[in-house]
C-alpha cells in the first residue's frame, strides 16, 4: 500500500511580512487575502489530504515560496488483520423439491433438503439402507479472530507545540496570534526586556544568551580600552533590552517551530512526546548560570583594568 500524506499550513515564517504572505497565499490558493490571513492565523491547517510524497513535496515548496510555513504529515494506515481467514465455499442450497443424486459406495443417495451438494464427499461408506437419511457433515468452527493492536495515536503539531512550550503556553499562543493579525511581529515581553539574556537561557535559547553576553562584554572592553563614553554603551544596552522586549516572543516562536518540526519529522509519536518534553520547557538553572557568568566576566574585566 502506497503511503499517503497530508499537507499542513502552519502559519507564516517569523521573518516574513504578514501582509505580503497573505497576498501571495491568496494568489496560490485562489482566495481572498482576508481568507488567506485567517488561514495563517491558525496554528495548523490541513490544505491537502491523502496525496503521495511527490505531490506533497510540490505543495510544500509552493507554500513556502510565499513566506508561509508548511509541514508534511504521514497519514496513518489501517493495520492489516493479524489472523488467518479460512475461505468458505458458499454454495447455493438445493431447493427442497430438487433431488440431485450423489454416488456413495455405489448407492444413489438423494441430497437432503438445505445441504449443499458439494458439501458431501464421495465415496462414502454406507452401511444403512438406501432409504435411510444421511446426516449433514460436521462443520469445523473457524479460529477465533485476534486482530492486531491498533497503532499508536498520531501527534498533531499543535499538541507538539504545547508539549514543547510547557509552562505559559497559553500566554505565548495568545501573543503569537495577536502578532499574526498585524503587519509586524512586535509584541511586548517584560521578562525579555528586563533580563533578556537570562530569559533566553530560561527558555533554552542559549545562542541568543551568549550573543547578548558577547555584545555586553565587548562594550565594556571598548569603554575601558579606548575610552568609549559610558553614556553610549548604556544607550546601546538599553536599545538591546528594548529589542529583546519587542522581538523576544517572535524569536521564541521561531525557535519553537523549528525544533518541533525537526522532532516530528525524525521521531515516532511516542518518541516525539519524550523528546519534545526534553528539549522544550524551561531551565531555571540555565537562567541563573548565564547571569552568574556575566557577573564573573564583569569581575574579571574589572580586575584586569585595575591591574
Protein backbone atom coordinates (compact mmCIF):
# COMPACT_ATOMS: atom_id res chain seq x y z
CA UNK A 1 0.00 0.00 0.00
CA UNK A 2 1.42 3.37 -1.00
CA UNK A 3 1.88 5.81 1.84
CA UNK A 4 -0.27 8.95 1.84
CA UNK A 5 0.45 12.35 3.32
CA UNK A 6 -1.39 15.48 4.48
CA UNK A 7 -0.04 18.94 3.64
CA UNK A 8 -0.38 21.22 6.70
CA UNK A 9 -0.14 25.01 6.62
CA UNK A 10 1.48 26.08 9.92
CA UNK A 11 1.42 29.86 9.90
CA UNK A 12 3.99 32.15 8.35
CA UNK A 13 7.71 32.38 8.74
CA UNK A 14 8.61 34.82 11.54
CA UNK A 15 10.88 36.79 9.22
CA UNK A 16 8.17 37.30 6.57
CA UNK A 17 5.74 40.20 6.32
CA UNK A 18 2.21 39.04 7.19
CA UNK A 19 0.50 41.23 4.57
CA UNK A 20 2.76 40.07 1.74
CA UNK A 21 2.46 36.42 2.74
CA UNK A 22 -1.35 36.68 2.80
CA UNK A 23 -1.34 38.29 -0.68
CA UNK A 24 0.89 35.57 -2.17
CA UNK A 25 -1.00 32.79 -0.44
CA UNK A 26 -4.31 34.19 -1.74
CA UNK A 27 -2.93 34.05 -5.28
CA UNK A 28 -1.75 30.48 -4.77
CA UNK A 29 -5.00 29.24 -3.20
CA UNK A 30 -7.23 31.41 -5.43
CA UNK A 31 -8.96 33.03 -2.49
CA UNK A 32 -9.16 36.50 -0.95
CA UNK A 33 -6.29 37.91 1.14
CA UNK A 34 -8.67 38.02 4.12
CA UNK A 35 -9.32 34.29 3.83
CA UNK A 36 -5.60 33.61 3.46
CA UNK A 37 -4.93 35.74 6.54
CA UNK A 38 -7.37 33.68 8.58
CA UNK A 39 -5.59 30.51 7.49
CA UNK A 40 -2.24 31.98 8.54
CA UNK A 41 -3.61 32.96 11.94
CA UNK A 42 -4.28 29.31 12.77
CA UNK A 43 -1.59 27.22 14.41
CA UNK A 44 -2.08 24.50 11.79
CA UNK A 45 -4.48 23.87 8.92
CA UNK A 46 -4.64 20.88 6.54
CA UNK A 47 -4.77 22.23 2.97
CA UNK A 48 -4.38 18.93 1.08
CA UNK A 49 -5.21 15.41 2.20
CA UNK A 50 -4.12 11.92 1.19
CA UNK A 51 -1.54 12.73 -1.50
CA UNK A 52 1.65 10.95 -2.48
CA UNK A 53 5.05 12.05 -1.24
CA UNK A 54 5.93 13.73 -4.57
CA UNK A 55 2.71 15.72 -4.66
CA UNK A 56 3.02 16.71 -1.00
CA UNK A 57 6.57 17.94 -1.60
CA UNK A 58 5.39 20.11 -4.53
CA UNK A 59 2.69 21.69 -2.36
CA UNK A 60 5.21 22.29 0.42
CA UNK A 61 7.65 24.08 -1.88
CA UNK A 62 4.88 26.22 -3.37
CA UNK A 63 3.53 27.23 0.05
CA UNK A 64 6.96 28.01 1.48
CA UNK A 65 7.76 30.19 -1.55
CA UNK A 66 5.06 32.59 -0.30
CA UNK A 67 6.77 33.03 3.07
CA UNK A 68 4.39 30.68 4.89
CA UNK A 69 5.44 27.58 6.80
CA UNK A 70 4.37 24.08 5.85
CA UNK A 71 4.89 20.57 7.14
CA UNK A 72 4.06 17.15 5.69
CA UNK A 73 2.38 14.59 7.94
CA UNK A 74 2.16 10.87 7.23
CA UNK A 75 -1.42 9.63 7.17
CA UNK A 76 -1.74 6.58 9.47
CA UNK A 77 -2.73 3.49 7.50
CA UNK A 78 -5.14 0.87 8.81
CA UNK A 79 -3.21 -2.08 10.20
CA UNK A 80 -3.81 -5.40 8.35
CA UNK A 81 -5.79 -8.06 10.17
CA UNK A 82 -3.46 -10.39 12.00
CA UNK A 83 -5.36 -13.67 11.66
CA UNK A 84 -5.84 -16.42 9.08
CA UNK A 85 -9.12 -16.49 7.21
CA UNK A 86 -10.36 -19.89 6.07
CA UNK A 87 -12.41 -19.31 2.92
CA UNK A 88 -15.82 -20.92 2.98
CA UNK A 89 -17.36 -22.16 -0.26
CA UNK A 90 -20.82 -20.69 -0.30
CA UNK A 91 -22.85 -22.95 -2.50
CA UNK A 92 -26.44 -22.20 -3.10
CA UNK A 93 -28.74 -24.53 -1.14
CA UNK A 94 -30.66 -27.03 -3.16
CA UNK A 95 -34.37 -26.43 -3.15
CA UNK A 96 -36.47 -28.90 -1.24
CA UNK A 97 -38.15 -30.06 -4.39
CA UNK A 98 -34.88 -30.97 -6.14
CA UNK A 99 -33.11 -34.27 -5.69
CA UNK A 100 -29.56 -34.33 -7.03
CA UNK A 101 -28.07 -37.85 -6.91
CA UNK A 102 -24.72 -38.32 -5.19
CA UNK A 103 -22.78 -41.57 -5.51
CA UNK A 104 -22.00 -43.05 -2.10
CA UNK A 105 -20.49 -46.52 -2.11
CA UNK A 106 -22.35 -47.44 -5.27
CA UNK A 107 -25.69 -46.36 -3.82
CA UNK A 108 -27.58 -43.42 -5.27
CA UNK A 109 -28.49 -41.21 -2.27
CA UNK A 110 -30.72 -38.16 -2.56
CA UNK A 111 -29.24 -34.94 -1.10
CA UNK A 112 -31.20 -33.77 1.97
CA UNK A 113 -33.00 -30.51 1.69
CA UNK A 114 -30.88 -27.47 2.69
CA UNK A 115 -27.47 -29.22 2.35
CA UNK A 116 -25.16 -28.12 -0.41
CA UNK A 117 -24.43 -30.82 -2.91
CA UNK A 118 -20.67 -30.23 -2.89
CA UNK A 119 -20.54 -30.46 0.92
CA UNK A 120 -20.79 -34.28 0.72
CA UNK A 121 -17.63 -36.11 -0.23
CA UNK A 122 -17.66 -39.34 -2.23
CA UNK A 123 -17.07 -42.15 -1.86
CA UNK A 124 -18.87 -42.54 1.46
CA UNK A 125 -19.23 -45.91 3.16
CA UNK A 126 -22.93 -46.57 3.59
CA UNK A 127 -24.00 -49.34 5.95
CA UNK A 128 -27.61 -48.34 6.13
CA UNK A 129 -30.28 -48.96 3.63
CA UNK A 130 -30.63 -46.56 0.75
CA UNK A 131 -33.76 -45.11 2.21
CA UNK A 132 -32.09 -44.06 5.49
CA UNK A 133 -31.40 -40.37 5.85
CA UNK A 134 -27.82 -39.11 5.75
CA UNK A 135 -26.62 -36.76 8.49
CA UNK A 136 -25.11 -33.48 7.25
CA UNK A 137 -21.29 -33.20 7.52
CA UNK A 138 -19.77 -31.77 10.69
CA UNK A 139 -18.84 -28.11 10.49
CA UNK A 140 -15.47 -27.11 11.99
CA UNK A 141 -15.68 -23.64 13.57
CA UNK A 142 -13.29 -21.01 12.25
CA UNK A 143 -10.47 -19.98 14.57
CA UNK A 144 -11.15 -17.04 16.84
CA UNK A 145 -10.12 -13.73 15.31
CA UNK A 146 -7.25 -11.94 17.07
CA UNK A 147 -6.89 -8.54 15.46
CA UNK A 148 -3.57 -6.77 15.72
CA UNK A 149 -3.48 -3.99 18.24
CA UNK A 150 -4.18 -0.53 16.87
CA UNK A 151 -1.19 1.70 16.01
CA UNK A 152 -0.12 4.41 18.40
CA UNK A 153 -2.12 7.58 18.10
CA UNK A 154 -0.65 10.32 15.97
CA UNK A 155 0.68 13.57 17.42
CA UNK A 156 -0.64 16.83 15.97
CA UNK A 157 1.65 19.81 15.53
CA UNK A 158 -0.48 21.92 17.85
CA UNK A 159 -0.21 19.32 20.62
CA UNK A 160 3.53 19.04 19.98
CA UNK A 161 3.94 22.82 20.35
CA UNK A 162 2.02 22.74 23.63
CA UNK A 163 4.27 19.96 24.97
CA UNK A 164 7.42 21.78 23.86
CA UNK A 165 6.49 25.18 25.31
CA UNK A 166 5.13 23.73 28.54
CA UNK A 167 4.64 26.42 31.17
CA UNK A 168 2.83 29.59 29.98
CA UNK A 169 1.85 28.02 26.64
CA UNK A 170 -1.42 29.96 26.69
CA UNK A 171 0.43 33.28 27.05
CA UNK A 172 2.70 32.64 24.05
CA UNK A 173 -0.12 31.27 21.90
CA UNK A 174 -2.12 34.45 22.53
CA UNK A 175 0.87 36.67 21.76
CA UNK A 176 1.66 34.80 18.55
CA UNK A 177 -1.93 35.03 17.33
CA UNK A 178 -2.06 38.75 18.07
CA UNK A 179 1.20 39.31 16.17
CA UNK A 180 -0.04 37.24 13.21
CA UNK A 181 -3.01 39.57 12.79
CA UNK A 182 -0.73 42.61 12.45
CA UNK A 183 1.66 43.60 9.68
CA UNK A 184 4.61 43.32 12.06
CA UNK A 185 5.58 40.72 14.64
CA UNK A 186 6.25 43.04 17.54
CA UNK A 187 4.69 42.10 20.87
CA UNK A 188 5.98 43.14 24.26
CA UNK A 189 7.54 40.72 26.74
CA UNK A 190 8.59 42.23 30.08
CA UNK A 191 10.79 39.29 31.09
CA UNK A 192 12.75 39.53 27.83
CA UNK A 193 13.15 43.30 28.34
CA UNK A 194 14.31 43.19 31.96
CA UNK A 195 16.58 40.11 31.86
CA UNK A 196 16.86 39.36 28.17
CA UNK A 197 19.85 37.00 28.18
CA UNK A 198 18.60 35.29 31.36
CA UNK A 199 15.12 34.85 29.91
CA UNK A 200 16.58 33.43 26.69
CA UNK A 201 18.54 30.91 28.74
CA UNK A 202 15.43 30.08 30.76
CA UNK A 203 13.63 29.27 27.50
CA UNK A 204 16.64 27.22 26.28
CA UNK A 205 17.62 29.68 23.53
CA UNK A 206 21.24 29.52 24.61
CA UNK A 207 22.71 31.01 21.43
CA UNK A 208 20.83 34.28 21.98
CA UNK A 209 22.10 34.47 25.55
CA UNK A 210 25.73 34.03 24.50
CA UNK A 211 25.34 36.65 21.77
CA UNK A 212 23.95 39.13 24.30
CA UNK A 213 26.76 38.45 26.78
CA UNK A 214 29.33 38.80 24.00
CA UNK A 215 27.96 42.20 22.98
CA UNK A 216 27.88 43.50 26.56
CA UNK A 217 31.42 42.31 27.27
CA UNK A 218 32.67 43.86 24.02
CA UNK A 219 31.09 47.17 25.01
CA UNK A 220 32.74 47.07 28.43
CA UNK A 221 36.13 46.31 26.94
CA UNK A 222 35.71 49.14 24.42
CA UNK A 223 34.72 51.50 27.21
CA UNK A 224 37.81 50.61 29.28
CA UNK A 225 40.30 50.23 26.43
CA UNK A 226 39.53 53.11 24.08
CA UNK A 227 37.51 55.36 26.34
CA UNK A 228 34.05 54.98 24.80
CA UNK A 229 31.71 57.13 26.92
CA UNK A 230 29.57 55.10 29.27
CA UNK A 231 26.52 57.05 28.06
CA UNK A 232 26.96 55.49 24.61
CA UNK A 233 27.33 51.94 25.92
CA UNK A 234 24.35 52.48 28.24
CA UNK A 235 22.27 53.63 25.28
CA UNK A 236 23.34 50.57 23.31
CA UNK A 237 22.40 48.27 26.20
CA UNK A 238 19.02 49.97 26.54
CA UNK A 239 18.42 49.54 22.81
CA UNK A 240 19.30 45.86 23.06
CA UNK A 241 16.94 45.43 26.02
CA UNK A 242 14.10 47.12 24.12
CA UNK A 243 14.82 44.89 21.10
CA UNK A 244 14.61 41.81 23.31
CA UNK A 245 11.33 43.05 24.76
CA UNK A 246 9.79 43.68 21.33
CA UNK A 247 11.17 40.66 19.45
CA UNK A 248 11.53 38.08 22.21
CA UNK A 249 8.16 36.42 21.55
CA UNK A 250 8.81 36.24 17.79
CA UNK A 251 12.29 34.77 18.29
CA UNK A 252 10.88 32.22 20.67
CA UNK A 253 8.13 31.32 18.20
CA UNK A 254 10.73 30.71 15.50
CA UNK A 255 12.79 28.61 17.91
CA UNK A 256 9.75 26.53 18.93
CA UNK A 257 8.51 25.91 15.38
CA UNK A 258 11.93 24.86 14.10
CA UNK A 259 12.57 22.42 16.94
CA UNK A 260 9.06 20.97 16.87
CA UNK A 261 9.17 20.37 13.10
CA UNK A 262 12.57 18.69 13.39
CA UNK A 263 11.41 16.40 16.18
CA UNK A 264 8.14 15.44 14.46
CA UNK A 265 9.98 14.64 11.23
CA UNK A 266 12.56 12.36 12.88
CA UNK A 267 10.65 10.54 15.66
CA UNK A 268 7.61 8.33 16.10
CA UNK A 269 4.70 9.93 18.01
CA UNK A 270 5.62 8.29 21.33
CA UNK A 271 9.32 9.08 20.96
CA UNK A 272 8.45 12.63 19.87
CA UNK A 273 6.49 13.26 23.08
CA UNK A 274 9.54 12.35 25.14
CA UNK A 275 11.93 14.39 23.01
CA UNK A 276 9.64 17.44 22.95
CA UNK A 277 9.46 17.47 26.73
CA UNK A 278 13.23 17.01 27.00
CA UNK A 279 14.27 19.73 24.54
CA UNK A 280 11.45 22.15 25.37
CA UNK A 281 10.08 23.63 28.54
CA UNK A 282 12.15 25.92 30.77
CA UNK A 283 15.53 25.70 32.51
CA UNK A 284 15.85 27.90 35.59
CA UNK A 285 19.38 26.63 36.14
CA UNK A 286 20.48 27.97 32.75
CA UNK A 287 18.99 31.39 33.54
CA UNK A 288 20.90 31.61 36.83
CA UNK A 289 24.03 30.30 35.17
CA UNK A 290 24.05 32.95 32.44
CA UNK A 291 23.55 35.74 34.99
CA UNK A 292 26.41 34.35 37.09
CA UNK A 293 28.63 34.02 34.00
CA UNK A 294 28.06 37.66 33.08
CA UNK A 295 28.88 38.84 36.62
CA UNK A 296 32.07 36.75 36.65
CA UNK A 297 33.14 38.23 33.32
CA UNK A 298 32.48 41.73 34.62
CA UNK A 299 34.60 40.99 37.68
CA UNK A 300 37.46 39.58 35.63
CA UNK A 301 37.46 42.56 33.27
CA UNK A 302 37.41 44.97 36.24
CA UNK A 303 40.40 43.24 37.86
CA UNK A 304 42.35 43.32 34.60
CA UNK A 305 41.54 47.00 34.09
CA UNK A 306 42.71 47.92 37.59
CA UNK A 307 45.93 45.98 37.17
